[in-house]
Amino acid sequence: MSLPYSFKSRLYHDIPSWVLSGEVFHVRIRCDRTQAIPLTNQKLADLLLKSVKQYHVNGRWHARLFLLMPDHLHALLSFPPDRTMSTVIRSWKAYHARCNGVEWQSGYFDHRIRNAKELDAKWDYIRQNPFVKEL
């Protein structure tokens, strides 16, 4: 059966021009099923979080919240107008794949936070994630 449309093989998470600079995005990045070491392993977690802080300090992103789970992570991030979300996240993932052996799923999930109520809801959702998963 042939579909009358086709899907892109790769999603580009470009921020539309009408979205204001500094908007917050909920980002979820998953590990590949073959990832042997959980992201919450102390040594790996320290390396991941150190790079999160470095990206923040260097202005690649503004991290409001960053949570590591064994097989995925959640973040509330903003991006400067001179950098695309796709480029920043791809660079961060590539670094950890190359230097720390993290095997990521391709792509990631993102959702633009539209108002304060939604920001509060996502903040609570992310913070409750370890408890819901009984970690």
N, C-alpha and C. Protein backbone atom coordinates (compact mmCIF):
# COMPACT_ATOMS: atom_id res chain seq x y z
N MET A 1 0.85 -1.18 0.00
CA MET A 1 0.00 0.00 0.00
C MET A 1 0.89 1.24 0.00
N SER A 2 0.64 2.13 -0.88
CA SER A 2 1.42 3.35 -1.00
C SER A 2 0.68 4.51 -0.35
N LEU A 3 1.39 5.25 0.45
CA LEU A 3 0.79 6.42 1.10
C LEU A 3 0.88 7.62 0.16
N PRO A 4 -0.10 8.51 0.18
CA PRO A 4 -0.08 9.68 -0.71
C PRO A 4 0.90 10.77 -0.26
N TYR A 5 1.60 10.55 0.82
CA TYR A 5 2.54 11.53 1.33
C TYR A 5 3.76 10.77 1.85
N SER A 6 4.81 11.49 2.09
CA SER A 6 6.01 10.84 2.62
C SER A 6 6.46 11.57 3.88
N PHE A 7 7.14 10.83 4.74
CA PHE A 7 7.67 11.40 5.96
C PHE A 7 9.14 11.71 5.76
N LYS A 8 9.59 12.78 6.36
CA LYS A 8 11.02 13.08 6.35
C LYS A 8 11.74 11.99 7.13
N SER A 9 12.92 11.65 6.68
CA SER A 9 13.68 10.64 7.41
C SER A 9 14.30 11.22 8.67
N ARG A 10 14.35 12.53 8.75
CA ARG A 10 14.95 13.18 9.90
C ARG A 10 14.14 14.42 10.26
N LEU A 11 13.83 14.55 11.52
CA LEU A 11 13.10 15.73 11.96
C LEU A 11 14.09 16.84 12.29
N TYR A 12 13.79 18.03 11.84
CA TYR A 12 14.61 19.18 12.18
C TYR A 12 13.85 19.98 13.21
N HIS A 13 14.44 20.14 14.35
CA HIS A 13 13.78 20.82 15.45
C HIS A 13 14.11 22.31 15.40
N ASP A 14 13.82 22.91 14.28
CA ASP A 14 14.09 24.33 14.14
C ASP A 14 13.04 25.11 14.90
N ILE A 15 13.49 26.14 15.56
CA ILE A 15 12.56 27.02 16.27
C ILE A 15 12.03 28.01 15.25
N PRO A 16 10.70 28.07 15.08
CA PRO A 16 10.14 29.00 14.09
C PRO A 16 10.53 30.44 14.40
N SER A 17 10.60 31.25 13.36
CA SER A 17 11.04 32.64 13.51
C SER A 17 10.10 33.45 14.39
N TRP A 18 8.84 33.05 14.48
CA TRP A 18 7.88 33.80 15.28
C TRP A 18 7.96 33.48 16.77
N VAL A 19 8.74 32.45 17.14
CA VAL A 19 8.91 32.13 18.56
C VAL A 19 9.95 33.08 19.14
N LEU A 20 9.60 33.71 20.23
CA LEU A 20 10.48 34.69 20.86
C LEU A 20 11.76 34.04 21.38
N SER A 21 12.83 34.77 21.33
CA SER A 21 14.10 34.32 21.88
C SER A 21 13.94 34.05 23.37
N GLY A 22 14.53 32.98 23.83
CA GLY A 22 14.46 32.67 25.26
C GLY A 22 13.28 31.81 25.66
N GLU A 23 12.44 31.42 24.69
CA GLU A 23 11.32 30.54 25.02
C GLU A 23 11.86 29.23 25.60
N VAL A 24 11.11 28.62 26.50
CA VAL A 24 11.53 27.40 27.18
C VAL A 24 10.95 26.19 26.44
N PHE A 25 11.78 25.16 26.31
CA PHE A 25 11.37 23.91 25.68
C PHE A 25 11.57 22.76 26.65
N HIS A 26 10.59 21.86 26.69
CA HIS A 26 10.77 20.59 27.40
C HIS A 26 11.43 19.66 26.38
N VAL A 27 12.59 19.15 26.73
CA VAL A 27 13.35 18.26 25.85
C VAL A 27 13.52 16.93 26.56
N ARG A 28 13.26 15.85 25.81
CA ARG A 28 13.49 14.50 26.34
C ARG A 28 14.40 13.78 25.35
N ILE A 29 15.49 13.22 25.87
CA ILE A 29 16.45 12.48 25.04
C ILE A 29 16.56 11.07 25.62
N ARG A 30 16.41 10.10 24.76
CA ARG A 30 16.45 8.70 25.20
C ARG A 30 17.76 8.03 24.77
N CYS A 31 18.18 7.09 25.59
CA CYS A 31 19.31 6.24 25.23
C CYS A 31 18.83 5.14 24.29
N ASP A 32 19.74 4.62 23.51
CA ASP A 32 19.46 3.45 22.71
C ASP A 32 19.31 2.27 23.65
N ARG A 33 18.55 1.28 23.24
CA ARG A 33 18.34 0.09 24.08
C ARG A 33 19.64 -0.65 24.37
N THR A 34 20.67 -0.42 23.56
CA THR A 34 21.95 -1.10 23.74
C THR A 34 22.85 -0.41 24.76
N GLN A 35 22.42 0.75 25.27
CA GLN A 35 23.23 1.48 26.25
C GLN A 35 23.40 0.64 27.51
N ALA A 36 24.63 0.26 27.80
CA ALA A 36 24.90 -0.65 28.91
C ALA A 36 24.92 0.05 30.27
N ILE A 37 25.48 1.25 30.32
CA ILE A 37 25.62 1.97 31.58
C ILE A 37 24.47 2.96 31.73
N PRO A 38 23.72 2.89 32.83
CA PRO A 38 22.63 3.86 33.01
C PRO A 38 23.18 5.29 33.14
N LEU A 39 22.40 6.23 32.65
CA LEU A 39 22.81 7.64 32.75
C LEU A 39 22.98 8.07 34.20
N THR A 40 22.35 7.35 35.11
CA THR A 40 22.42 7.69 36.53
C THR A 40 23.64 7.08 37.22
N ASN A 41 24.45 6.34 36.49
CA ASN A 41 25.72 5.85 37.04
C ASN A 41 26.51 7.06 37.50
N GLN A 42 27.05 7.03 38.71
CA GLN A 42 27.65 8.23 39.31
C GLN A 42 28.70 8.88 38.42
N LYS A 43 29.62 8.09 37.88
CA LYS A 43 30.69 8.65 37.05
C LYS A 43 30.13 9.29 35.78
N LEU A 44 29.23 8.57 35.10
CA LEU A 44 28.65 9.11 33.87
C LEU A 44 27.75 10.31 34.18
N ALA A 45 26.96 10.22 35.22
CA ALA A 45 26.07 11.33 35.60
C ALA A 45 26.88 12.60 35.88
N ASP A 46 28.00 12.45 36.57
CA ASP A 46 28.85 13.61 36.85
C ASP A 46 29.35 14.26 35.56
N LEU A 47 29.77 13.43 34.60
CA LEU A 47 30.26 13.95 33.32
C LEU A 47 29.14 14.64 32.53
N LEU A 48 27.96 14.03 32.51
CA LEU A 48 26.82 14.62 31.80
C LEU A 48 26.44 15.97 32.41
N LEU A 49 26.31 15.99 33.73
CA LEU A 49 25.87 17.22 34.39
C LEU A 49 26.94 18.32 34.33
N LYS A 50 28.19 17.93 34.35
CA LYS A 50 29.27 18.91 34.19
C LYS A 50 29.16 19.58 32.82
N SER A 51 28.86 18.80 31.79
CA SER A 51 28.73 19.39 30.45
C SER A 51 27.46 20.23 30.32
N VAL A 52 26.41 19.86 31.03
CA VAL A 52 25.19 20.68 31.05
C VAL A 52 25.53 22.06 31.59
N LYS A 53 26.26 22.08 32.68
CA LYS A 53 26.66 23.36 33.28
C LYS A 53 27.57 24.14 32.34
N GLN A 54 28.50 23.45 31.68
CA GLN A 54 29.41 24.12 30.75
C GLN A 54 28.65 24.74 29.58
N TYR A 55 27.69 24.01 29.03
CA TYR A 55 26.87 24.55 27.94
C TYR A 55 26.11 25.78 28.43
N HIS A 56 25.63 25.72 29.66
CA HIS A 56 24.90 26.84 30.25
C HIS A 56 25.82 28.06 30.40
N VAL A 57 26.98 27.84 31.00
CA VAL A 57 27.94 28.93 31.23
C VAL A 57 28.41 29.54 29.90
N ASN A 58 28.61 28.69 28.89
CA ASN A 58 29.07 29.17 27.58
C ASN A 58 27.96 29.76 26.72
N GLY A 59 26.74 29.75 27.21
CA GLY A 59 25.63 30.36 26.48
C GLY A 59 25.08 29.53 25.33
N ARG A 60 25.39 28.25 25.31
CA ARG A 60 24.82 27.40 24.25
C ARG A 60 23.35 27.09 24.53
N TRP A 61 23.01 27.01 25.80
CA TRP A 61 21.63 26.88 26.23
C TRP A 61 21.51 27.45 27.63
N HIS A 62 20.28 27.71 28.03
CA HIS A 62 20.00 28.11 29.40
C HIS A 62 19.22 26.95 30.00
N ALA A 63 19.82 26.26 30.96
CA ALA A 63 19.20 25.09 31.58
C ALA A 63 18.46 25.51 32.84
N ARG A 64 17.15 25.38 32.81
CA ARG A 64 16.34 25.67 34.00
C ARG A 64 16.21 24.44 34.89
N LEU A 65 16.15 23.27 34.25
CA LEU A 65 16.01 22.02 34.98
C LEU A 65 16.57 20.91 34.09
N PHE A 66 17.31 20.01 34.69
CA PHE A 66 17.91 18.90 33.95
C PHE A 66 17.88 17.68 34.84
N LEU A 67 17.20 16.62 34.42
CA LEU A 67 17.03 15.44 35.24
C LEU A 67 17.48 14.20 34.47
N LEU A 68 18.36 13.43 35.08
CA LEU A 68 18.82 12.18 34.49
C LEU A 68 18.01 11.03 35.07
N MET A 69 17.54 10.17 34.18
CA MET A 69 16.91 8.91 34.53
C MET A 69 17.83 7.82 33.98
N PRO A 70 17.65 6.57 34.37
CA PRO A 70 18.57 5.53 33.88
C PRO A 70 18.67 5.46 32.35
N ASP A 71 17.54 5.59 31.65
CA ASP A 71 17.55 5.40 30.20
C ASP A 71 17.13 6.63 29.39
N HIS A 72 16.93 7.75 30.04
CA HIS A 72 16.56 8.97 29.34
C HIS A 72 16.81 10.18 30.24
N LEU A 73 16.61 11.35 29.67
CA LEU A 73 16.73 12.56 30.46
C LEU A 73 15.64 13.54 30.07
N HIS A 74 15.32 14.41 30.98
CA HIS A 74 14.37 15.49 30.75
C HIS A 74 15.08 16.80 31.04
N ALA A 75 14.73 17.82 30.29
CA ALA A 75 15.32 19.14 30.53
C ALA A 75 14.33 20.22 30.16
N LEU A 76 14.44 21.33 30.85
CA LEU A 76 13.76 22.57 30.45
C LEU A 76 14.86 23.51 30.01
N LEU A 77 14.91 23.77 28.71
CA LEU A 77 16.01 24.52 28.11
C LEU A 77 15.51 25.68 27.27
N SER A 78 16.31 26.72 27.22
CA SER A 78 16.12 27.85 26.29
C SER A 78 17.38 27.92 25.44
N PHE A 79 17.23 28.44 24.23
CA PHE A 79 18.35 28.52 23.30
C PHE A 79 18.53 29.96 22.83
N PRO A 80 19.77 30.40 22.67
CA PRO A 80 19.99 31.76 22.17
C PRO A 80 19.58 31.87 20.70
N PRO A 81 19.28 33.06 20.24
CA PRO A 81 18.79 33.23 18.87
C PRO A 81 19.82 32.88 17.80
N ASP A 82 21.10 32.88 18.14
CA ASP A 82 22.12 32.60 17.14
C ASP A 82 22.49 31.11 17.05
N ARG A 83 21.78 30.24 17.77
CA ARG A 83 22.06 28.81 17.73
C ARG A 83 20.75 28.04 17.59
N THR A 84 20.76 27.03 16.74
CA THR A 84 19.55 26.23 16.60
C THR A 84 19.53 25.13 17.65
N MET A 85 18.33 24.81 18.09
CA MET A 85 18.15 23.75 19.07
C MET A 85 18.75 22.45 18.54
N SER A 86 18.49 22.12 17.28
CA SER A 86 19.01 20.88 16.69
C SER A 86 20.52 20.81 16.76
N THR A 87 21.18 21.90 16.39
CA THR A 87 22.64 21.91 16.38
C THR A 87 23.20 21.75 17.78
N VAL A 88 22.64 22.44 18.74
CA VAL A 88 23.14 22.39 20.11
C VAL A 88 22.97 21.00 20.70
N ILE A 89 21.79 20.44 20.56
CA ILE A 89 21.54 19.12 21.14
C ILE A 89 22.33 18.04 20.40
N ARG A 90 22.40 18.13 19.08
CA ARG A 90 23.19 17.16 18.31
C ARG A 90 24.66 17.19 18.75
N SER A 91 25.19 18.39 18.96
CA SER A 91 26.58 18.55 19.40
C SER A 91 26.79 17.93 20.78
N TRP A 92 25.87 18.19 21.69
CA TRP A 92 25.98 17.67 23.06
C TRP A 92 25.92 16.14 23.05
N LYS A 93 24.97 15.58 22.30
CA LYS A 93 24.85 14.13 22.22
C LYS A 93 26.09 13.52 21.57
N ALA A 94 26.59 14.13 20.51
CA ALA A 94 27.76 13.60 19.80
C ALA A 94 28.98 13.59 20.71
N TYR A 95 29.15 14.65 21.49
CA TYR A 95 30.28 14.70 22.42
C TYR A 95 30.23 13.51 23.38
N HIS A 96 29.07 13.26 23.97
CA HIS A 96 28.97 12.19 24.95
C HIS A 96 29.03 10.81 24.30
N ALA A 97 28.61 10.71 23.08
CA ALA A 97 28.76 9.44 22.36
C ALA A 97 30.24 9.16 22.11
N ARG A 98 30.94 10.17 21.66
CA ARG A 98 32.37 10.03 21.31
C ARG A 98 33.25 9.87 22.55
N CYS A 99 33.04 10.70 23.54
CA CYS A 99 33.96 10.73 24.70
C CYS A 99 33.56 9.82 25.85
N ASN A 100 32.28 9.51 25.97
CA ASN A 100 31.82 8.73 27.12
C ASN A 100 31.07 7.46 26.73
N GLY A 101 31.01 7.18 25.43
CA GLY A 101 30.40 5.94 24.97
C GLY A 101 28.90 5.85 25.13
N VAL A 102 28.22 6.97 25.29
CA VAL A 102 26.76 6.94 25.43
C VAL A 102 26.14 6.64 24.07
N GLU A 103 25.25 5.67 24.06
CA GLU A 103 24.54 5.30 22.84
C GLU A 103 23.13 5.88 22.92
N TRP A 104 22.89 6.92 22.12
CA TRP A 104 21.61 7.62 22.13
C TRP A 104 20.70 7.09 21.03
N GLN A 105 19.40 7.19 21.26
CA GLN A 105 18.47 7.01 20.15
C GLN A 105 18.64 8.21 19.24
N SER A 106 18.34 8.04 17.97
CA SER A 106 18.43 9.20 17.09
C SER A 106 17.29 10.16 17.42
N GLY A 107 17.54 11.44 17.23
CA GLY A 107 16.53 12.45 17.48
C GLY A 107 16.27 12.68 18.96
N TYR A 108 15.20 13.38 19.22
CA TYR A 108 14.78 13.70 20.58
C TYR A 108 13.38 14.28 20.51
N PHE A 109 12.75 14.43 21.64
CA PHE A 109 11.42 15.03 21.74
C PHE A 109 11.58 16.45 22.24
N ASP A 110 10.83 17.37 21.67
CA ASP A 110 10.80 18.72 22.23
C ASP A 110 9.38 19.28 22.18
N HIS A 111 9.09 20.11 23.13
CA HIS A 111 7.79 20.77 23.20
C HIS A 111 7.99 22.17 23.75
N ARG A 112 7.53 23.18 23.02
CA ARG A 112 7.66 24.56 23.49
C ARG A 112 6.65 24.82 24.59
N ILE A 113 7.12 25.38 25.69
CA ILE A 113 6.27 25.75 26.81
C ILE A 113 5.59 27.06 26.45
N ARG A 114 4.28 27.11 26.54
CA ARG A 114 3.53 28.26 26.04
C ARG A 114 3.10 29.27 27.09
N ASN A 115 3.09 28.86 28.37
CA ASN A 115 2.67 29.81 29.41
C ASN A 115 3.17 29.32 30.77
N ALA A 116 2.97 30.15 31.78
CA ALA A 116 3.46 29.84 33.13
C ALA A 116 2.80 28.59 33.71
N LYS A 117 1.53 28.40 33.42
CA LYS A 117 0.83 27.22 33.93
C LYS A 117 1.44 25.94 33.35
N GLU A 118 1.74 25.97 32.07
CA GLU A 118 2.37 24.82 31.43
C GLU A 118 3.79 24.60 31.95
N LEU A 119 4.52 25.68 32.20
CA LEU A 119 5.87 25.56 32.76
C LEU A 119 5.81 24.89 34.13
N ASP A 120 4.88 25.31 34.96
CA ASP A 120 4.72 24.70 36.28
C ASP A 120 4.37 23.21 36.16
N ALA A 121 3.49 22.88 35.22
CA ALA A 121 3.08 21.49 35.04
C ALA A 121 4.26 20.63 34.57
N LYS A 122 5.04 21.11 33.61
CA LYS A 122 6.20 20.36 33.12
C LYS A 122 7.26 20.23 34.21
N TRP A 123 7.47 21.31 34.95
CA TRP A 123 8.43 21.29 36.05
C TRP A 123 8.05 20.18 37.04
N ASP A 124 6.77 20.15 37.44
CA ASP A 124 6.29 19.13 38.37
C ASP A 124 6.40 17.73 37.77
N TYR A 125 6.03 17.58 36.50
CA TYR A 125 6.11 16.29 35.83
C TYR A 125 7.55 15.76 35.85
N ILE A 126 8.49 16.60 35.50
CA ILE A 126 9.90 16.18 35.46
C ILE A 126 10.39 15.83 36.86
N ARG A 127 10.10 16.67 37.82
CA ARG A 127 10.56 16.43 39.19
C ARG A 127 9.95 15.17 39.80
N GLN A 128 8.73 14.82 39.40
CA GLN A 128 8.06 13.63 39.93
C GLN A 128 8.46 12.35 39.21
N ASN A 129 9.11 12.46 38.06
CA ASN A 129 9.44 11.31 37.23
C ASN A 129 10.17 10.20 38.01
N PRO A 130 11.19 10.50 38.81
CA PRO A 130 11.85 9.42 39.55
C PRO A 130 10.93 8.72 40.56
N PHE A 131 10.03 9.45 41.15
CA PHE A 131 9.12 8.86 42.14
C PHE A 131 8.09 7.98 41.44
N VAL A 132 7.58 8.44 40.30
CA VAL A 132 6.62 7.66 39.53
C VAL A 132 7.26 6.35 39.06
N LYS A 133 8.53 6.41 38.69
CA LYS A 133 9.26 5.22 38.23
C LYS A 133 9.85 4.41 39.38
N GLU A 134 9.53 4.84 40.61
CA GLU A 134 9.97 4.16 41.84
C GLU A 134 11.49 4.04 41.93
N LEU A 135 12.17 5.13 41.64
CA LEU A 135 13.63 5.17 41.76
C LEU A 135 14.04 5.82 43.06
